[in-house]
Amino acid sequence: MNPKLSNLVDRIRGQFPHLDIRTDQTDIVRVIAKRERFLIGIEEHAGEYIAQFIDLDGPTDFESVLLKEVSSRNVHDFEEAVLTSISNVRPVQNP
């Protein structure tokens, strides 16, 4: 895991204990919300922090929809934006 993201991971675990956080040997942190059916991919690339919120209930079984993207060059601002976005994300339910 990218060490620059470790504080964010700790904060997500503390505030959202029901989320499944994967921090294996890649530089992308994956946050899985099984109950809410969304995924967040978090990474740092060339000094920019990026989080992509993906709805897992796409139009078909094999599609997903990008709900939101959060990015910043300031890690503190990024952490706050991600935590706020997790609190506010509401995937669109398909009929």
N, C-alpha and C. Protein backbone atom coordinates (compact mmCIF):
# COMPACT_ATOMS: atom_id res chain seq x y z
N MET A 1 0.84 -1.18 0.00
CA MET A 1 0.00 0.00 0.00
C MET A 1 0.88 1.24 0.00
N ASN A 2 0.42 2.23 -0.70
CA ASN A 2 1.11 3.51 -0.71
C ASN A 2 1.06 4.10 0.71
N PRO A 3 2.22 4.34 1.35
CA PRO A 3 2.21 4.85 2.73
C PRO A 3 1.54 6.21 2.88
N LYS A 4 1.46 6.98 1.81
CA LYS A 4 0.80 8.29 1.88
C LYS A 4 -0.71 8.15 2.10
N LEU A 5 -1.25 6.96 1.84
CA LEU A 5 -2.69 6.74 1.99
C LEU A 5 -3.05 6.04 3.30
N SER A 6 -2.06 5.72 4.12
CA SER A 6 -2.33 4.94 5.34
C SER A 6 -3.22 5.70 6.34
N ASN A 7 -3.04 7.00 6.48
CA ASN A 7 -3.89 7.76 7.39
C ASN A 7 -5.34 7.75 6.91
N LEU A 8 -5.55 7.90 5.61
CA LEU A 8 -6.90 7.86 5.06
C LEU A 8 -7.53 6.49 5.32
N VAL A 9 -6.79 5.44 5.11
CA VAL A 9 -7.30 4.08 5.36
C VAL A 9 -7.71 3.93 6.82
N ASP A 10 -6.88 4.40 7.74
CA ASP A 10 -7.22 4.33 9.16
C ASP A 10 -8.48 5.12 9.48
N ARG A 11 -8.62 6.27 8.88
CA ARG A 11 -9.81 7.11 9.12
C ARG A 11 -11.07 6.46 8.55
N ILE A 12 -10.97 5.86 7.38
CA ILE A 12 -12.13 5.16 6.80
C ILE A 12 -12.52 4.00 7.70
N ARG A 13 -11.54 3.22 8.15
CA ARG A 13 -11.83 2.08 9.04
C ARG A 13 -12.50 2.55 10.33
N GLY A 14 -12.06 3.67 10.87
CA GLY A 14 -12.63 4.18 12.11
C GLY A 14 -14.04 4.71 11.95
N GLN A 15 -14.31 5.39 10.85
CA GLN A 15 -15.62 6.01 10.65
C GLN A 15 -16.64 5.10 9.97
N PHE A 16 -16.15 4.14 9.20
CA PHE A 16 -17.05 3.26 8.44
C PHE A 16 -16.61 1.80 8.63
N PRO A 17 -16.80 1.24 9.82
CA PRO A 17 -16.29 -0.11 10.10
C PRO A 17 -16.92 -1.22 9.26
N HIS A 18 -18.07 -0.96 8.65
CA HIS A 18 -18.73 -1.99 7.84
C HIS A 18 -18.11 -2.12 6.44
N LEU A 19 -17.25 -1.18 6.04
CA LEU A 19 -16.65 -1.25 4.71
C LEU A 19 -15.48 -2.22 4.69
N ASP A 20 -15.33 -2.91 3.59
CA ASP A 20 -14.25 -3.87 3.38
C ASP A 20 -13.12 -3.13 2.66
N ILE A 21 -11.99 -2.96 3.34
CA ILE A 21 -10.88 -2.20 2.77
C ILE A 21 -9.76 -3.15 2.41
N ARG A 22 -9.35 -3.11 1.16
CA ARG A 22 -8.28 -3.98 0.66
C ARG A 22 -7.03 -3.15 0.41
N THR A 23 -5.96 -3.49 1.09
CA THR A 23 -4.70 -2.75 0.97
C THR A 23 -3.56 -3.70 0.66
N ASP A 24 -3.79 -4.59 -0.28
CA ASP A 24 -2.77 -5.59 -0.58
C ASP A 24 -1.55 -4.95 -1.23
N GLN A 25 -0.81 -5.68 -1.98
CA GLN A 25 0.50 -5.24 -2.44
C GLN A 25 0.49 -4.26 -3.60
N THR A 26 -0.67 -3.85 -4.04
CA THR A 26 -0.72 -2.85 -5.10
C THR A 26 -0.73 -1.46 -4.48
N ASP A 27 -0.62 -0.43 -5.29
CA ASP A 27 -0.67 0.94 -4.80
C ASP A 27 -2.09 1.50 -4.81
N ILE A 28 -3.06 0.69 -5.20
CA ILE A 28 -4.46 1.13 -5.21
C ILE A 28 -5.17 0.54 -4.00
N VAL A 29 -5.79 1.40 -3.23
CA VAL A 29 -6.61 0.96 -2.10
C VAL A 29 -8.02 0.77 -2.65
N ARG A 30 -8.61 -0.38 -2.33
CA ARG A 30 -9.98 -0.65 -2.76
C ARG A 30 -10.88 -0.69 -1.53
N VAL A 31 -11.95 0.06 -1.59
CA VAL A 31 -12.94 0.08 -0.51
C VAL A 31 -14.22 -0.48 -1.10
N ILE A 32 -14.71 -1.55 -0.49
CA ILE A 32 -15.88 -2.24 -1.02
C ILE A 32 -17.03 -2.09 -0.03
N ALA A 33 -18.14 -1.55 -0.52
CA ALA A 33 -19.36 -1.42 0.28
C ALA A 33 -20.37 -2.41 -0.27
N LYS A 34 -20.35 -3.63 0.26
CA LYS A 34 -21.22 -4.68 -0.26
C LYS A 34 -22.69 -4.34 -0.08
N ARG A 35 -23.02 -3.84 1.08
CA ARG A 35 -24.42 -3.53 1.39
C ARG A 35 -24.94 -2.42 0.48
N GLU A 36 -24.14 -1.40 0.25
CA GLU A 36 -24.56 -0.26 -0.57
C GLU A 36 -24.27 -0.46 -2.05
N ARG A 37 -23.50 -1.51 -2.38
CA ARG A 37 -23.18 -1.89 -3.76
C ARG A 37 -22.36 -0.83 -4.50
N PHE A 38 -21.29 -0.34 -3.84
CA PHE A 38 -20.35 0.52 -4.55
C PHE A 38 -18.94 0.18 -4.15
N LEU A 39 -18.01 0.62 -4.97
CA LEU A 39 -16.59 0.37 -4.80
C LEU A 39 -15.87 1.70 -4.95
N ILE A 40 -14.80 1.87 -4.18
CA ILE A 40 -13.97 3.07 -4.33
C ILE A 40 -12.54 2.61 -4.61
N GLY A 41 -11.97 3.12 -5.67
CA GLY A 41 -10.56 2.89 -5.97
C GLY A 41 -9.80 4.16 -5.62
N ILE A 42 -8.79 4.04 -4.75
CA ILE A 42 -8.04 5.21 -4.29
C ILE A 42 -6.57 5.01 -4.62
N GLU A 43 -5.97 6.03 -5.24
CA GLU A 43 -4.56 5.94 -5.58
C GLU A 43 -3.90 7.31 -5.60
N GLU A 44 -2.58 7.29 -5.59
CA GLU A 44 -1.79 8.51 -5.74
C GLU A 44 -0.96 8.31 -6.99
N HIS A 45 -1.04 9.29 -7.89
CA HIS A 45 -0.32 9.18 -9.16
C HIS A 45 0.29 10.53 -9.48
N ALA A 46 1.60 10.57 -9.57
CA ALA A 46 2.33 11.80 -9.93
C ALA A 46 1.96 12.98 -9.04
N GLY A 47 1.82 12.72 -7.74
CA GLY A 47 1.54 13.79 -6.80
C GLY A 47 0.07 14.18 -6.67
N GLU A 48 -0.80 13.49 -7.39
CA GLU A 48 -2.24 13.76 -7.31
C GLU A 48 -2.94 12.55 -6.69
N TYR A 49 -3.81 12.83 -5.75
CA TYR A 49 -4.60 11.79 -5.09
C TYR A 49 -5.95 11.70 -5.79
N ILE A 50 -6.36 10.47 -6.10
CA ILE A 50 -7.58 10.27 -6.89
C ILE A 50 -8.42 9.16 -6.24
N ALA A 51 -9.71 9.41 -6.12
CA ALA A 51 -10.65 8.39 -5.65
C ALA A 51 -11.80 8.32 -6.65
N GLN A 52 -12.08 7.12 -7.12
CA GLN A 52 -13.19 6.92 -8.05
C GLN A 52 -14.24 6.07 -7.36
N PHE A 53 -15.46 6.60 -7.31
CA PHE A 53 -16.59 5.92 -6.70
C PHE A 53 -17.37 5.24 -7.82
N ILE A 54 -17.52 3.93 -7.73
CA ILE A 54 -18.11 3.15 -8.81
C ILE A 54 -19.35 2.42 -8.30
N ASP A 55 -20.47 2.61 -8.97
CA ASP A 55 -21.72 1.92 -8.66
C ASP A 55 -21.62 0.51 -9.23
N LEU A 56 -21.82 -0.49 -8.39
CA LEU A 56 -21.72 -1.88 -8.85
C LEU A 56 -23.03 -2.40 -9.43
N ASP A 57 -24.07 -1.62 -9.37
CA ASP A 57 -25.35 -2.00 -9.94
C ASP A 57 -25.54 -1.33 -11.29
N GLY A 58 -24.67 -1.65 -12.23
CA GLY A 58 -24.77 -1.07 -13.56
C GLY A 58 -25.97 -1.61 -14.31
N PRO A 59 -26.17 -1.10 -15.52
CA PRO A 59 -27.33 -1.50 -16.32
C PRO A 59 -27.39 -3.01 -16.61
N THR A 60 -26.25 -3.68 -16.66
CA THR A 60 -26.23 -5.13 -16.85
C THR A 60 -25.31 -5.73 -15.78
N ASP A 61 -25.26 -7.04 -15.73
CA ASP A 61 -24.47 -7.73 -14.71
C ASP A 61 -22.97 -7.45 -14.81
N PHE A 62 -22.49 -7.07 -15.96
CA PHE A 62 -21.05 -6.90 -16.13
C PHE A 62 -20.63 -5.45 -16.33
N GLU A 63 -21.53 -4.52 -16.08
CA GLU A 63 -21.21 -3.11 -16.23
C GLU A 63 -21.20 -2.41 -14.87
N SER A 64 -20.42 -1.37 -14.81
CA SER A 64 -20.42 -0.51 -13.63
C SER A 64 -20.49 0.94 -14.11
N VAL A 65 -20.85 1.82 -13.19
CA VAL A 65 -21.05 3.23 -13.54
C VAL A 65 -20.23 4.08 -12.58
N LEU A 66 -19.45 5.02 -13.14
CA LEU A 66 -18.70 5.95 -12.31
C LEU A 66 -19.68 6.94 -11.69
N LEU A 67 -19.76 6.92 -10.36
CA LEU A 67 -20.65 7.83 -9.64
C LEU A 67 -20.01 9.19 -9.43
N LYS A 68 -18.72 9.16 -9.07
CA LYS A 68 -18.06 10.40 -8.69
C LYS A 68 -16.56 10.18 -8.70
N GLU A 69 -15.82 11.25 -8.97
CA GLU A 69 -14.37 11.22 -8.85
C GLU A 69 -13.94 12.40 -7.98
N VAL A 70 -13.06 12.11 -7.03
CA VAL A 70 -12.52 13.13 -6.14
C VAL A 70 -11.02 13.16 -6.36
N SER A 71 -10.44 14.35 -6.50
CA SER A 71 -8.99 14.43 -6.67
C SER A 71 -8.46 15.71 -6.03
N SER A 72 -7.20 15.65 -5.62
CA SER A 72 -6.54 16.81 -5.03
C SER A 72 -5.04 16.53 -4.98
N ARG A 73 -4.27 17.59 -4.97
CA ARG A 73 -2.82 17.46 -4.78
C ARG A 73 -2.45 17.59 -3.30
N ASN A 74 -3.40 17.99 -2.47
CA ASN A 74 -3.19 18.14 -1.04
C ASN A 74 -3.81 16.94 -0.33
N VAL A 75 -3.01 16.15 0.35
CA VAL A 75 -3.50 14.91 0.95
C VAL A 75 -4.56 15.17 2.02
N HIS A 76 -4.41 16.23 2.81
CA HIS A 76 -5.40 16.52 3.85
C HIS A 76 -6.76 16.87 3.22
N ASP A 77 -6.75 17.74 2.22
CA ASP A 77 -8.00 18.09 1.53
C ASP A 77 -8.63 16.87 0.89
N PHE A 78 -7.79 16.01 0.32
CA PHE A 78 -8.26 14.79 -0.32
C PHE A 78 -8.95 13.88 0.69
N GLU A 79 -8.31 13.68 1.85
CA GLU A 79 -8.90 12.83 2.89
C GLU A 79 -10.28 13.33 3.29
N GLU A 80 -10.39 14.64 3.52
CA GLU A 80 -11.68 15.21 3.93
C GLU A 80 -12.73 15.03 2.84
N ALA A 81 -12.35 15.24 1.59
CA ALA A 81 -13.29 15.09 0.47
C ALA A 81 -13.76 13.65 0.32
N VAL A 82 -12.85 12.70 0.49
CA VAL A 82 -13.21 11.28 0.37
C VAL A 82 -14.16 10.88 1.50
N LEU A 83 -13.85 11.26 2.73
CA LEU A 83 -14.71 10.91 3.86
C LEU A 83 -16.10 11.52 3.71
N THR A 84 -16.17 12.75 3.26
CA THR A 84 -17.47 13.39 3.03
C THR A 84 -18.22 12.66 1.92
N SER A 85 -17.51 12.30 0.86
CA SER A 85 -18.15 11.62 -0.27
C SER A 85 -18.67 10.25 0.12
N ILE A 86 -17.93 9.53 0.97
CA ILE A 86 -18.41 8.22 1.43
C ILE A 86 -19.72 8.40 2.19
N SER A 87 -19.78 9.42 3.03
CA SER A 87 -21.00 9.69 3.81
C SER A 87 -22.19 10.01 2.91
N ASN A 88 -21.93 10.64 1.78
CA ASN A 88 -23.00 11.15 0.93
C ASN A 88 -23.34 10.29 -0.27
N VAL A 89 -22.53 9.31 -0.59
CA VAL A 89 -22.77 8.54 -1.82
C VAL A 89 -24.04 7.70 -1.65
N ARG A 90 -24.88 7.78 -2.65
CA ARG A 90 -26.11 7.01 -2.68
C ARG A 90 -26.26 6.44 -4.10
N PRO A 91 -25.79 5.21 -4.31
CA PRO A 91 -25.92 4.65 -5.66
C PRO A 91 -27.35 4.63 -6.14
N VAL A 92 -27.53 4.89 -7.42
CA VAL A 92 -28.85 4.86 -8.03
C VAL A 92 -29.29 3.42 -8.14
N GLN A 93 -30.45 3.11 -7.64
CA GLN A 93 -30.97 1.74 -7.69
C GLN A 93 -31.67 1.50 -9.03
N ASN A 94 -31.33 0.40 -9.65
CA ASN A 94 -31.98 0.04 -10.92
C ASN A 94 -33.34 -0.59 -10.64
N PRO A 95 -34.31 -0.36 -11.51
CA PRO A 95 -35.66 -0.94 -11.32
C PRO A 95 -35.64 -2.44 -11.41
